[in-house]
C-alpha cells in the first residue's frame, strides 16, 4: 500500500511553525514505534523515525489483495508448503523504518513463533518474509523506488509490484546477490512467473480483475459436496453388489 513520503513535508507546510517544531523534535526509535498507539483504525508506517499514516485502501485495492492472498494460500495447501500469506503485517527495512506491505509470505514456523508477541505486528531483521507485495495506488515513486530500495537493502528475496494503472505485475527477485534485484514485467496477457512458486497458476488479468473470494469458497464447497454425493452413491452401489467399499484399496 503506498503512502507519500513527501506527505511529511506537505503537512509541515500546512501546519503552524510551532506545531511543526514540536512534531519534529523527537524521531521514534523502532522500539517506540512498536509500542506506539495512534488514532484508532489508522495504520502507521515508520520512515527513518517519522510516522507515516497510511490512507485507507480503495475497495478495488482491497479486492486484489484478498484474491492474491486467497490464491497463495490455496497454492501452499495444494503444494504442501509450510508457508503463510498474510496482510497488515509490518516489515522492518532499516534501523528506524518499517513498512506494511499489502501482503507478505513467510515461513509457517516463523508465524507461529511470533504470532503471540505483544506490540505491533512487525517482522524484524532476522524474521524477514520471503515475499512482499505492494499494490500501486497514489504515489508510484514509493513502490517503484523508495520501497524497492528498502526491501532490497533488507535482502527480502522477492518483491512484487502490482500496478493496475499500467496493467502489469513487476517481479523483482534475488535481493541477496551483490547486484540487488533483477526484475521482469508481466503484462495482462501473461501469467506471473516466480522462481519460488514455480507451480503457481495466476495470470495478471485474473489478478487485476479478481472474482469475489467468498464466491470462490462457495464454489469449492459445492464441488466437495458433489464429490461426496457421488462417492456415497458409488459406495451404496458396491454394497448392493456384495462388495464392501471399505475393503477396496
Foldseek 3Di string as FASTA:
>chain_A
DDFDPCVLVVVCVVDDVVVNCVQPVFFDFQVCQQADDDDPPWDWWWDRRHTTTDDDDDPLLVQLLVQVQVLVVVLCVVVVAQKHKDAQAWEDQDRGTIDGARIFMAGNVLCVVCVPPDTGRYQYLVRATLEGEHEDDDDPCCQPPVVLVSCLNSVNAWYWYQYLVQLWIKIWGDSVDPVGTDIDIAHQVAFDDDPVRRPRGGGSVCSSVDDGVVVVVVVVVVVVVVVVVVVVVVQVVCVVVVHHPVPDD
